[in-house]
Amino acid sequence: MSISQTQPVFKNSSKQRTPSPPPTIDIQSVFLQIQTNYQNGLYELALPAAFELLNHEDFTQNKQILIQVGLIVSKIYRQLGCIPHSIQFVQKAFEMIEKGDARLEIAHAYHLIGNIFSLLADYQQAFIYLSKGLEIYHYLNYKPGLADCYALIAEINLPNQDYEQVRFYIQKSLTYSNLDCLKNQQSNALNTLGFVFLQTGQYGNAARKIQQALTLAKEIQSPYEIIRANFYLALLARHQNEVPSALSFAENALRRAQKLKTNPLQRECHLLFKEIYQQQNDFQKAFFHLEQAFQISEQHKNHTTFNQLRAIEINYKIELYSQRNHQLKKEIQQRTKDQAELEYLATTDPLTSLYNRRYFFTLAEHICEQSQKSDKKLCALMMDIDHFKNINDENGHPFGDKVLVAISNMIQKNLRENDILCRFGGEEFCALLPQTEIKQAFQVAERIRANVDSQEFTIDNISFPISISIGVADLIHSPKQSLMGLIGYADQALYKAKRKGRNQVSLFNQIAE
């Protein structure tokens, strides 16, 4: 079946209507299969099944699934470049939403309209609607929506060249997409991250991220991300003066963009061709592509799609949804506040305000995975206050707590911003030092030890010396180059420092000592 010839109708009353599914159909199972086929890029399977459900007479009572199926069809048409059909279905979805309470579906619709605006390069409107969807996704803790929204917000921020902000949104997206293995969102985020690396001159990192994005996009048959990856690879090749490769990738991207009817990407491809041919002194071809880019821009300005989107905004009073859901907004704000407090409590040691052990391992696993994929420059410090039991026994636990706070503050001052420190348990602290070799880690540990040793601590008008023992290990020499192996070796080095008399730093790796 040719997807582009499929007629996007919610209800077909003609005699040739697609036969309704049998009454015994398991609607939920069919819906889940449609959703799975859509996520895997199997549009030729997702669309017919979606139309069957949408045309089923007994199914129209189940509005929430009906809305979700309609939105999936709209997304498929968007991916195929059939923007008017995509808008028609999101419009129908809003009609259904208007008649009932469907919070997640409202978020999906906001998200989809933001996506369409992004395809039309109206980034300001895209951000407005994506933010609306993001707010509800956060309230509902809907991870696929959060991953997708953050990835798209990162993408539409690229023209601003605020790459720190882009990285922030990418990290948010990858956090949610890695949890749920959402490959399309990961592909989007990796493409954007690759472009950021490209713009900042980190060509090796750019190539790796874009290739990863392309592999994922091909795996799930995501046409839009395949185009982006090819276009970014063309840009990368041009920056590296590899003209034949740049032309090849650009031709691939342009051909796919024309098939998908994505005007902004077509325009960018033509402008890239113009720059390449201009550098080659082939001014005839350069002028041709400049002219093509100009024509696309003019068509884009007069595109009826904008009018269709504005009609949805006016006719269905999208802004009124916010008013109608005034209580929902209050709930969202309160939940956001409560969630922030809960996240703080769940991730932070209440005494020292350092990360707790559980959250430390969550962060550390991610950092370790990144190090395993790159240069494996990662070290761990295990630190223990010497004779802390005596401090508690002689002065009491409240006094000992103040000592722990003072030591944690001193350790933190001697670490970099991207190092992570946690209270590992009792009087033990653990620090993870990314992009650090073992000799450098030893120097950091020795500086911490010396600063603690030279400090005269005064607490509750009592002055006394404190010393600390530290064990150091690196990832590359740890068992299986794993996080647990790294922490275990650092712990063994700490015990070696204790056995040797305390108030010293010991390395697990004897070569560097």
Protein backbone atom coordinates (compact mmCIF):
# COMPACT_ATOMS: atom_id res chain seq x y z
CA MET A 1 0.00 0.00 0.00
CA SER A 2 1.33 3.47 -0.86
CA ILE A 3 1.20 5.53 2.33
CA SER A 4 1.17 8.85 0.50
CA GLN A 5 -2.13 7.89 -1.17
CA THR A 6 -3.87 7.05 2.10
CA GLN A 7 -6.76 9.42 2.74
CA PRO A 8 -6.61 10.93 6.22
CA VAL A 9 -10.22 10.71 7.42
CA PHE A 10 -11.52 9.92 10.87
CA LYS A 11 -14.91 8.70 9.66
CA ASN A 12 -15.64 7.39 6.20
CA SER A 13 -19.38 6.95 5.58
CA SER A 14 -19.05 5.75 2.00
CA LYS A 15 -19.96 2.20 0.97
CA GLN A 16 -16.32 1.45 0.29
CA ARG A 17 -15.41 2.15 3.91
CA THR A 18 -12.66 -0.02 5.38
CA PRO A 19 -14.36 -2.97 7.10
CA SER A 20 -14.71 -2.53 10.85
CA PRO A 21 -12.71 -4.84 13.09
CA PRO A 22 -14.72 -7.68 14.55
CA PRO A 23 -16.58 -6.85 17.78
CA THR A 24 -14.25 -9.10 19.76
CA ILE A 25 -11.19 -7.01 18.86
CA ASP A 26 -8.80 -6.31 21.75
CA ILE A 27 -8.62 -2.56 21.29
CA GLN A 28 -5.80 -2.04 23.77
CA SER A 29 -3.62 -4.69 22.10
CA VAL A 30 -4.25 -3.23 18.63
CA PHE A 31 -3.42 0.24 19.92
CA LEU A 32 -0.17 -0.96 21.51
CA GLN A 33 0.78 -2.68 18.24
CA ILE A 34 0.08 0.54 16.30
CA GLN A 35 2.24 2.45 18.79
CA THR A 36 5.06 -0.11 18.49
CA ASN A 37 4.96 -0.07 14.67
CA TYR A 38 5.03 3.74 14.68
CA GLN A 39 8.02 3.88 17.05
CA ASN A 40 9.88 1.35 14.87
CA GLY A 41 9.18 3.31 11.69
CA LEU A 42 6.83 0.63 10.25
CA TYR A 43 4.35 3.17 8.96
CA GLU A 44 2.93 0.83 6.31
CA LEU A 45 1.73 -1.40 9.17
CA ALA A 46 0.75 1.33 11.63
CA LEU A 47 -1.47 3.38 9.28
CA PRO A 48 -3.94 0.69 8.07
CA ALA A 49 -4.48 -0.58 11.60
CA ALA A 50 -4.95 3.00 12.84
CA PHE A 51 -7.58 3.72 10.18
CA GLU A 52 -9.42 0.52 11.08
CA LEU A 53 -9.66 1.58 14.70
CA LEU A 54 -10.63 5.14 13.81
CA ASN A 55 -13.45 3.85 11.56
CA HIS A 56 -14.76 1.32 14.06
CA GLU A 57 -18.28 2.39 15.01
CA ASP A 58 -18.19 0.97 18.56
CA PHE A 59 -14.76 2.43 19.20
CA THR A 60 -15.72 6.10 19.15
CA GLN A 61 -16.78 5.92 22.82
CA ASN A 62 -13.21 5.25 23.89
CA LYS A 63 -12.08 8.84 23.31
CA GLN A 64 -8.67 8.77 24.95
CA ILE A 65 -7.34 5.92 22.80
CA LEU A 66 -9.08 7.48 19.78
CA ILE A 67 -7.20 10.73 20.40
CA GLN A 68 -3.89 8.93 20.80
CA VAL A 69 -4.39 6.95 17.57
CA GLY A 70 -5.28 10.17 15.73
CA LEU A 71 -2.14 11.84 17.06
CA ILE A 72 -0.01 8.88 15.95
CA VAL A 73 -1.45 9.20 12.42
CA SER A 74 -0.68 12.93 12.54
CA LYS A 75 2.90 12.19 13.57
CA ILE A 76 3.31 9.67 10.75
CA TYR A 77 2.11 12.21 8.17
CA ARG A 78 4.47 14.77 9.67
CA GLN A 79 7.37 12.31 9.28
CA LEU A 80 6.34 11.65 5.67
CA GLY A 81 6.24 15.36 4.86
CA CYS A 82 2.44 15.47 4.46
CA ILE A 83 2.07 18.50 6.72
CA PRO A 84 -1.54 19.42 5.71
CA HIS A 85 -2.69 15.86 6.51
CA SER A 86 -0.75 16.01 9.77
CA ILE A 87 -2.48 19.24 10.75
CA GLN A 88 -5.89 17.80 9.81
CA PHE A 89 -5.44 14.97 12.27
CA VAL A 90 -4.13 17.10 15.11
CA GLN A 91 -7.12 19.38 14.51
CA LYS A 92 -9.46 16.40 14.86
CA ALA A 93 -7.63 15.38 18.01
CA PHE A 94 -8.25 18.82 19.52
CA GLU A 95 -11.94 18.48 18.69
CA MET A 96 -12.01 15.27 20.73
CA ILE A 97 -9.91 16.73 23.56
CA GLU A 98 -12.28 19.70 23.82
CA LYS A 99 -15.12 17.32 24.70
CA GLY A 100 -13.42 15.57 27.61
CA ASP A 101 -10.59 15.52 30.14
CA ALA A 102 -7.49 14.08 28.47
CA ARG A 103 -4.41 15.61 30.07
CA LEU A 104 -1.77 13.44 28.41
CA GLU A 105 -3.46 13.88 25.03
CA ILE A 106 -3.43 17.67 25.49
CA ALA A 107 0.31 17.44 26.10
CA HIS A 108 0.73 15.26 22.98
CA ALA A 109 -1.20 17.79 20.89
CA TYR A 110 0.82 20.76 22.19
CA HIS A 111 3.97 18.73 21.53
CA LEU A 112 2.92 17.88 17.99
CA ILE A 113 2.00 21.45 17.07
CA GLY A 114 5.35 22.59 18.46
CA ASN A 115 7.02 19.95 16.29
CA ILE A 116 5.23 21.17 13.17
CA PHE A 117 6.20 24.77 13.92
CA SER A 118 9.82 23.61 14.29
CA LEU A 119 9.68 21.95 10.86
CA LEU A 120 8.49 25.30 9.48
CA ALA A 121 11.39 27.05 11.29
CA ASP A 122 9.04 29.15 13.45
CA TYR A 123 11.12 28.41 16.53
CA GLN A 124 9.47 30.94 18.81
CA GLN A 125 6.02 29.39 18.37
CA ALA A 126 7.56 25.92 18.55
CA PHE A 127 9.10 26.71 21.93
CA ILE A 128 5.80 28.06 23.28
CA TYR A 129 3.91 24.87 22.49
CA LEU A 130 6.73 22.51 23.48
CA SER A 131 6.92 24.28 26.85
CA LYS A 132 3.18 23.72 27.34
CA GLY A 133 3.57 20.04 26.57
CA LEU A 134 6.67 19.78 28.75
CA GLU A 135 4.85 21.23 31.75
CA ILE A 136 2.14 18.56 31.60
CA TYR A 137 4.64 15.76 30.84
CA HIS A 138 6.54 16.71 34.00
CA TYR A 139 3.34 16.69 36.02
CA LEU A 140 2.46 13.22 34.70
CA ASN A 141 6.13 12.05 34.80
CA TYR A 142 5.73 10.84 31.20
CA LYS A 143 9.32 10.02 30.20
CA PRO A 144 8.88 9.48 26.41
CA GLY A 145 7.30 12.93 26.09
CA LEU A 146 9.98 14.53 28.27
CA ALA A 147 12.78 12.94 26.23
CA ASP A 148 11.21 14.02 22.93
CA CYS A 149 10.39 17.58 24.05
CA TYR A 150 13.83 18.24 25.51
CA ALA A 151 15.52 16.86 22.36
CA LEU A 152 13.43 19.13 20.14
CA ILE A 153 13.97 22.19 22.35
CA ALA A 154 17.71 21.54 22.11
CA GLU A 155 17.43 21.36 18.32
CA ILE A 156 15.46 24.61 17.94
CA ASN A 157 17.99 26.41 20.17
CA LEU A 158 20.86 25.66 17.77
CA PRO A 159 20.36 28.86 15.71
CA ASN A 160 20.93 30.91 18.90
CA GLN A 161 24.42 29.36 19.20
CA ASP A 162 23.98 29.11 22.97
CA TYR A 163 25.65 25.72 23.04
CA GLU A 164 25.74 25.44 26.84
CA GLN A 165 21.95 25.75 26.87
CA VAL A 166 21.71 23.22 24.04
CA ARG A 167 23.92 20.78 25.97
CA PHE A 168 21.69 21.21 29.02
CA TYR A 169 18.57 20.23 27.06
CA ILE A 170 20.39 17.35 25.34
CA GLN A 171 21.48 15.94 28.69
CA LYS A 172 17.89 16.19 29.93
CA SER A 173 16.66 14.32 26.85
CA LEU A 174 19.29 11.58 27.09
CA THR A 175 18.54 11.11 30.79
CA TYR A 176 14.92 10.26 30.02
CA SER A 177 15.50 8.43 26.71
CA ASN A 178 18.27 6.21 28.11
CA LEU A 179 15.94 5.09 30.87
CA ASP A 180 13.27 3.93 28.43
CA CYS A 181 15.46 3.06 25.41
CA LEU A 182 13.68 5.62 23.22
CA LYS A 183 15.87 5.39 20.14
CA ASN A 184 14.26 8.17 18.09
CA GLN A 185 14.76 10.67 20.90
CA GLN A 186 18.33 9.44 21.42
CA SER A 187 19.01 9.85 17.69
CA ASN A 188 17.67 13.41 17.78
CA ALA A 189 19.74 14.33 20.83
CA LEU A 190 22.93 12.72 19.44
CA ASN A 191 22.51 14.57 16.11
CA THR A 192 22.18 17.86 17.96
CA LEU A 193 25.14 17.09 20.21
CA GLY A 194 27.20 16.16 17.14
CA PHE A 195 26.38 19.52 15.56
CA VAL A 196 27.42 21.32 18.76
CA PHE A 197 30.77 19.50 18.69
CA LEU A 198 31.13 20.39 15.01
CA GLN A 199 30.48 24.09 15.65
CA THR A 200 33.02 24.13 18.49
CA GLY A 201 35.75 22.46 16.42
CA GLN A 202 35.65 19.07 18.15
CA TYR A 203 35.51 17.11 14.90
CA GLY A 204 36.35 13.69 16.33
CA ASN A 205 33.54 13.89 18.89
CA ALA A 206 31.22 15.30 16.24
CA ALA A 207 31.85 12.38 13.87
CA ARG A 208 31.22 9.82 16.62
CA LYS A 209 27.96 11.37 17.81
CA ILE A 210 26.56 11.91 14.32
CA GLN A 211 27.43 8.36 13.25
CA GLN A 212 25.74 7.03 16.39
CA ALA A 213 22.67 9.12 15.54
CA LEU A 214 22.67 7.84 11.96
CA THR A 215 22.94 4.21 13.08
CA LEU A 216 19.98 4.61 15.44
CA ALA A 217 17.95 6.52 12.86
CA LYS A 218 18.49 3.79 10.25
CA GLU A 219 17.63 1.11 12.79
CA ILE A 220 14.22 2.67 13.48
CA GLN A 221 13.82 4.11 9.96
CA SER A 222 13.49 7.72 11.12
CA PRO A 223 13.66 9.72 7.87
CA TYR A 224 14.04 13.14 9.51
CA GLU A 225 17.01 12.12 11.67
CA ILE A 226 18.66 10.32 8.73
CA ILE A 227 18.48 13.59 6.77
CA ARG A 228 19.93 15.58 9.67
CA ALA A 229 22.78 13.10 10.14
CA ASN A 230 23.69 13.18 6.43
CA PHE A 231 23.56 16.98 6.39
CA TYR A 232 25.80 17.26 9.49
CA LEU A 233 28.24 14.73 8.01
CA ALA A 234 28.34 16.91 4.88
CA LEU A 235 29.12 19.96 7.03
CA LEU A 236 31.81 18.00 8.86
CA ALA A 237 33.43 16.84 5.61
CA ARG A 238 33.41 20.42 4.28
CA HIS A 239 35.12 21.70 7.46
CA GLN A 240 37.79 19.02 6.93
CA ASN A 241 38.18 19.97 3.23
CA GLU A 242 36.90 16.57 2.06
CA VAL A 243 34.90 17.96 -0.85
CA PRO A 244 33.80 14.67 -2.55
CA SER A 245 32.49 13.32 0.76
CA ALA A 246 30.77 16.62 1.54
CA LEU A 247 28.99 16.61 -1.84
CA SER A 248 27.98 12.96 -1.47
CA PHE A 249 26.47 13.44 2.01
CA ALA A 250 24.79 16.69 0.94
CA GLU A 251 23.23 15.05 -2.15
CA ASN A 252 21.91 12.22 0.02
CA ALA A 253 20.46 14.70 2.52
CA LEU A 254 18.88 16.87 -0.18
CA ARG A 255 17.31 13.91 -2.00
CA ARG A 256 15.74 12.64 1.22
CA ALA A 257 14.64 16.15 2.28
CA GLN A 258 12.91 16.66 -1.08
CA LYS A 259 11.12 13.34 -0.68
CA LEU A 260 10.06 14.26 2.85
CA LYS A 261 9.15 17.83 1.77
CA THR A 262 11.01 19.42 4.67
CA ASN A 263 11.64 22.93 3.33
CA PRO A 264 14.08 24.17 5.99
CA LEU A 265 16.41 21.18 5.49
CA GLN A 266 16.16 21.51 1.68
CA ARG A 267 17.10 25.18 1.98
CA GLU A 268 20.09 24.38 4.24
CA CYS A 269 21.32 21.74 1.79
CA HIS A 270 21.14 24.17 -1.14
CA LEU A 271 23.04 26.81 0.85
CA LEU A 272 25.72 24.25 1.68
CA PHE A 273 26.04 23.33 -2.00
CA LYS A 274 26.33 27.04 -2.79
CA GLU A 275 29.23 27.46 -0.36
CA ILE A 276 31.04 24.34 -1.59
CA TYR A 277 30.76 25.26 -5.28
CA GLN A 278 31.67 28.88 -4.56
CA GLN A 279 34.91 27.68 -2.93
CA GLN A 280 35.52 25.52 -6.01
CA ASN A 281 34.99 28.60 -8.24
CA ASP A 282 32.06 26.85 -9.94
CA PHE A 283 29.90 29.96 -9.81
CA GLN A 284 27.22 28.63 -12.17
CA LYS A 285 26.33 25.77 -9.81
CA ALA A 286 26.74 28.02 -6.79
CA PHE A 287 24.21 30.50 -8.25
CA PHE A 288 21.79 27.69 -9.11
CA HIS A 289 21.71 26.44 -5.51
CA LEU A 290 21.44 29.97 -4.13
CA GLU A 291 18.44 30.53 -6.38
CA GLN A 292 16.87 27.26 -5.21
CA ALA A 293 17.36 28.28 -1.57
CA PHE A 294 15.73 31.65 -2.28
CA GLN A 295 12.71 30.03 -3.98
CA ILE A 296 12.20 27.68 -1.03
CA SER A 297 12.33 30.65 1.35
CA GLU A 298 9.68 32.47 -0.66
CA GLN A 299 7.46 29.38 -0.80
CA HIS A 300 7.97 28.92 2.89
CA LYS A 301 6.76 32.46 3.64
CA ASN A 302 3.54 31.89 1.71
CA HIS A 303 2.96 28.33 2.90
CA THR A 304 -0.72 27.73 3.69
CA THR A 305 0.39 25.49 6.56
CA PHE A 306 0.90 28.58 8.70
CA ASN A 307 -2.69 29.62 8.10
CA GLN A 308 -3.88 26.13 8.99
CA LEU A 309 -1.97 26.21 12.25
CA ARG A 310 -3.27 29.68 13.09
CA ALA A 311 -6.80 28.44 12.38
CA ILE A 312 -6.34 25.69 14.95
CA GLU A 313 -5.16 28.27 17.46
CA ILE A 314 -8.16 30.52 16.82
CA ASN A 315 -10.98 28.05 16.11
CA TYR A 316 -10.21 25.66 18.92
CA LYS A 317 -9.00 28.34 21.34
CA ILE A 318 -5.92 26.44 22.42
CA GLU A 319 -5.17 29.10 25.00
CA LEU A 320 -8.50 28.36 26.68
CA TYR A 321 -7.24 24.92 27.59
CA SER A 322 -4.86 26.61 30.01
CA GLN A 323 -7.76 28.53 31.55
CA ARG A 324 -9.98 25.47 31.69
CA ASN A 325 -7.15 23.60 33.36
CA HIS A 326 -6.32 26.39 35.81
CA GLN A 327 -6.48 23.89 38.64
CA LEU A 328 -4.19 21.58 36.69
CA LYS A 329 -1.60 24.38 36.43
CA LYS A 330 -1.78 24.87 40.20
CA GLU A 331 -1.36 21.14 40.69
CA ILE A 332 1.60 21.15 38.30
CA GLN A 333 3.29 24.01 40.16
CA GLN A 334 2.77 22.36 43.54
CA ARG A 335 3.86 18.99 42.22
CA THR A 336 6.96 20.55 40.65
CA LYS A 337 7.83 22.11 44.01
CA ASP A 338 7.13 18.88 45.88
CA GLN A 339 9.06 16.88 43.30
CA ALA A 340 12.07 19.20 43.62
CA GLU A 341 12.01 18.80 47.40
CA LEU A 342 11.63 15.04 47.12
CA GLU A 343 14.46 14.87 44.57
CA TYR A 344 16.68 16.87 46.93
CA LEU A 345 15.83 14.59 49.84
CA ALA A 346 16.28 11.48 47.70
CA THR A 347 19.67 12.51 46.34
CA THR A 348 21.29 14.44 49.20
CA ASP A 349 22.85 13.49 52.51
CA PRO A 350 20.87 15.55 55.06
CA LEU A 351 23.87 16.29 57.28
CA THR A 352 26.58 17.37 54.79
CA SER A 353 24.37 18.33 51.78
CA LEU A 354 26.64 16.17 49.61
CA TYR A 355 25.20 13.55 47.29
CA ASN A 356 24.12 10.44 49.13
CA ARG A 357 25.58 7.05 48.24
CA ARG A 358 22.60 5.90 46.18
CA TYR A 359 22.47 8.95 43.92
CA PHE A 360 26.26 9.03 43.68
CA PHE A 361 26.17 5.59 42.06
CA THR A 362 23.50 6.76 39.59
CA LEU A 363 25.73 9.64 38.44
CA ALA A 364 28.88 7.56 38.64
CA GLU A 365 27.48 4.81 36.38
CA HIS A 366 26.79 7.37 33.66
CA ILE A 367 30.24 8.99 34.00
CA CYS A 368 31.90 5.56 33.97
CA GLU A 369 30.03 4.53 30.81
CA GLN A 370 31.18 7.73 29.06
CA SER A 371 34.78 7.12 30.15
CA GLN A 372 34.66 3.50 28.93
CA LYS A 373 33.65 4.75 25.49
CA SER A 374 36.43 7.33 25.31
CA ASP A 375 39.88 7.56 26.91
CA LYS A 376 39.08 5.84 30.28
CA LYS A 377 40.62 8.77 32.19
CA LEU A 378 38.62 8.35 35.39
CA CYS A 379 39.81 8.11 39.01
CA ALA A 380 38.20 7.57 42.39
CA LEU A 381 39.20 8.77 45.85
CA MET A 382 38.05 6.95 48.96
CA MET A 383 38.55 9.13 52.08
CA ASP A 384 38.17 8.32 55.76
CA ILE A 385 38.57 10.61 58.79
CA ASP A 386 41.23 9.15 61.08
CA HIS A 387 40.20 8.14 64.62
CA PHE A 388 36.71 9.54 64.13
CA LYS A 389 35.28 7.14 66.72
CA ASN A 390 37.44 8.77 69.37
CA ILE A 391 36.05 12.20 68.41
CA ASN A 392 32.51 10.92 68.84
CA ASP A 393 33.25 9.09 72.09
CA GLU A 394 35.03 12.05 73.70
CA ASN A 395 32.72 14.87 72.55
CA GLY A 396 29.41 13.28 71.57
CA HIS A 397 27.69 12.64 68.26
CA PRO A 398 26.39 16.22 67.71
CA PHE A 399 29.99 17.39 67.90
CA GLY A 400 31.05 14.61 65.50
CA ASP A 401 28.36 15.75 63.05
CA LYS A 402 29.87 19.23 62.98
CA VAL A 403 33.27 17.70 62.24
CA LEU A 404 31.79 15.78 59.30
CA VAL A 405 30.29 18.99 57.90
CA ALA A 406 33.59 20.87 58.26
CA ILE A 407 35.57 18.10 56.56
CA SER A 408 33.06 17.71 53.73
CA ASN A 409 33.26 21.46 53.02
CA MET A 410 37.05 21.35 52.95
CA ILE A 411 37.12 18.37 50.57
CA GLN A 412 34.59 20.05 48.27
CA LYS A 413 36.73 23.22 48.06
CA ASN A 414 39.65 21.15 46.74
CA LEU A 415 37.65 19.52 43.91
CA ARG A 416 36.66 20.79 40.49
CA GLU A 417 33.11 21.67 39.51
CA ASN A 418 32.67 18.53 37.38
CA ASP A 419 34.04 16.18 40.09
CA ILE A 420 31.34 14.49 42.14
CA LEU A 421 31.58 13.94 45.88
CA CYS A 422 29.36 11.92 48.19
CA ARG A 423 29.14 10.90 51.79
CA PHE A 424 29.76 7.21 51.32
CA GLY A 425 28.82 6.23 54.85
CA GLY A 426 29.71 7.19 58.41
CA GLU A 427 32.96 9.15 58.23
CA GLU A 428 33.80 7.94 54.69
CA PHE A 429 33.65 10.12 51.58
CA CYS A 430 34.04 9.12 47.93
CA ALA A 431 34.94 11.37 45.00
CA LEU A 432 34.91 10.60 41.28
CA LEU A 433 37.29 12.61 39.09
CA PRO A 434 36.46 12.50 35.34
CA GLN A 435 39.13 13.22 32.72
CA THR A 436 41.86 12.64 35.32
CA GLU A 437 44.91 10.37 35.22
CA ILE A 438 46.10 8.63 38.38
CA LYS A 439 49.11 10.90 38.95
CA GLN A 440 46.85 13.95 38.82
CA ALA A 441 44.38 12.22 41.16
CA PHE A 442 47.22 11.53 43.60
CA GLN A 443 48.09 15.24 43.60
CA VAL A 444 44.46 16.16 44.32
CA ALA A 445 44.30 13.62 47.15
CA GLU A 446 47.58 14.83 48.65
CA ARG A 447 46.35 18.44 48.53
CA ILE A 448 43.16 17.45 50.39
CA ARG A 449 45.15 15.48 52.98
CA ALA A 450 47.66 18.31 53.52
CA ASN A 451 44.94 20.97 53.85
CA VAL A 452 43.06 18.90 56.42
CA ASP A 453 46.25 18.11 58.33
CA SER A 454 47.40 21.75 58.46
CA GLN A 455 44.03 23.10 59.56
CA GLU A 456 43.36 23.74 63.25
CA PHE A 457 39.68 22.95 63.60
CA THR A 458 37.68 24.90 66.18
CA ILE A 459 34.18 23.67 66.94
CA ASP A 460 32.15 24.70 70.01
CA ASN A 461 35.25 26.54 71.29
CA ILE A 462 37.24 23.31 71.16
CA SER A 463 40.37 23.32 68.94
CA PHE A 464 41.90 20.08 67.80
CA PRO A 465 43.78 18.58 64.80
CA ILE A 466 42.16 16.18 62.32
CA SER A 467 43.82 13.97 59.74
CA ILE A 468 42.41 11.99 56.84
CA SER A 469 43.51 8.88 54.94
CA ILE A 470 42.86 8.56 51.20
CA GLY A 471 42.97 5.71 48.70
CA VAL A 472 43.28 6.38 44.95
CA ALA A 473 42.53 4.12 41.95
CA ASP A 474 41.98 4.60 38.24
CA LEU A 475 39.49 3.00 35.84
CA ILE A 476 41.94 1.65 33.31
CA HIS A 477 43.63 -0.63 35.88
CA SER A 478 40.40 -1.68 37.63
CA PRO A 479 38.75 -5.12 37.20
CA LYS A 480 36.82 -5.21 33.91
CA GLN A 481 37.25 -1.42 33.88
CA SER A 482 33.95 -1.21 35.79
CA LEU A 483 32.65 1.29 38.34
CA MET A 484 32.45 -1.31 41.12
CA GLY A 485 35.99 -2.45 40.33
CA LEU A 486 37.20 1.16 40.47
CA ILE A 487 35.50 1.87 43.82
CA GLY A 488 36.71 -1.47 45.21
CA TYR A 489 40.33 -0.75 44.31
CA ALA A 490 40.11 2.76 45.80
CA ASP A 491 38.73 1.20 48.98
CA GLN A 492 41.60 -1.29 49.10
CA ALA A 493 44.09 1.58 48.65
CA LEU A 494 42.38 3.40 51.56
CA TYR A 495 42.88 0.41 53.85
CA LYS A 496 46.51 0.27 52.77
CA ALA A 497 46.87 3.93 53.87
CA LYS A 498 45.28 3.04 57.21
CA ARG A 499 47.63 0.10 57.73
CA LYS A 500 50.67 2.25 56.93
CA GLY A 501 49.86 4.63 59.79
CA ARG A 502 47.02 6.91 58.56
CA ASN A 503 47.24 10.56 57.49
CA GLN A 504 48.55 9.61 54.04
CA VAL A 505 47.56 8.86 50.46
CA SER A 506 47.96 5.41 48.92
CA LEU A 507 47.61 4.37 45.30
CA PHE A 508 46.31 1.02 44.23
CA ASN A 509 48.39 1.27 41.07
CA GLN A 510 51.98 0.86 42.29
CA ILE A 511 53.44 2.16 39.02
CA ALA A 512 52.23 5.69 39.63
CA GLU A 513 53.15 5.78 43.33
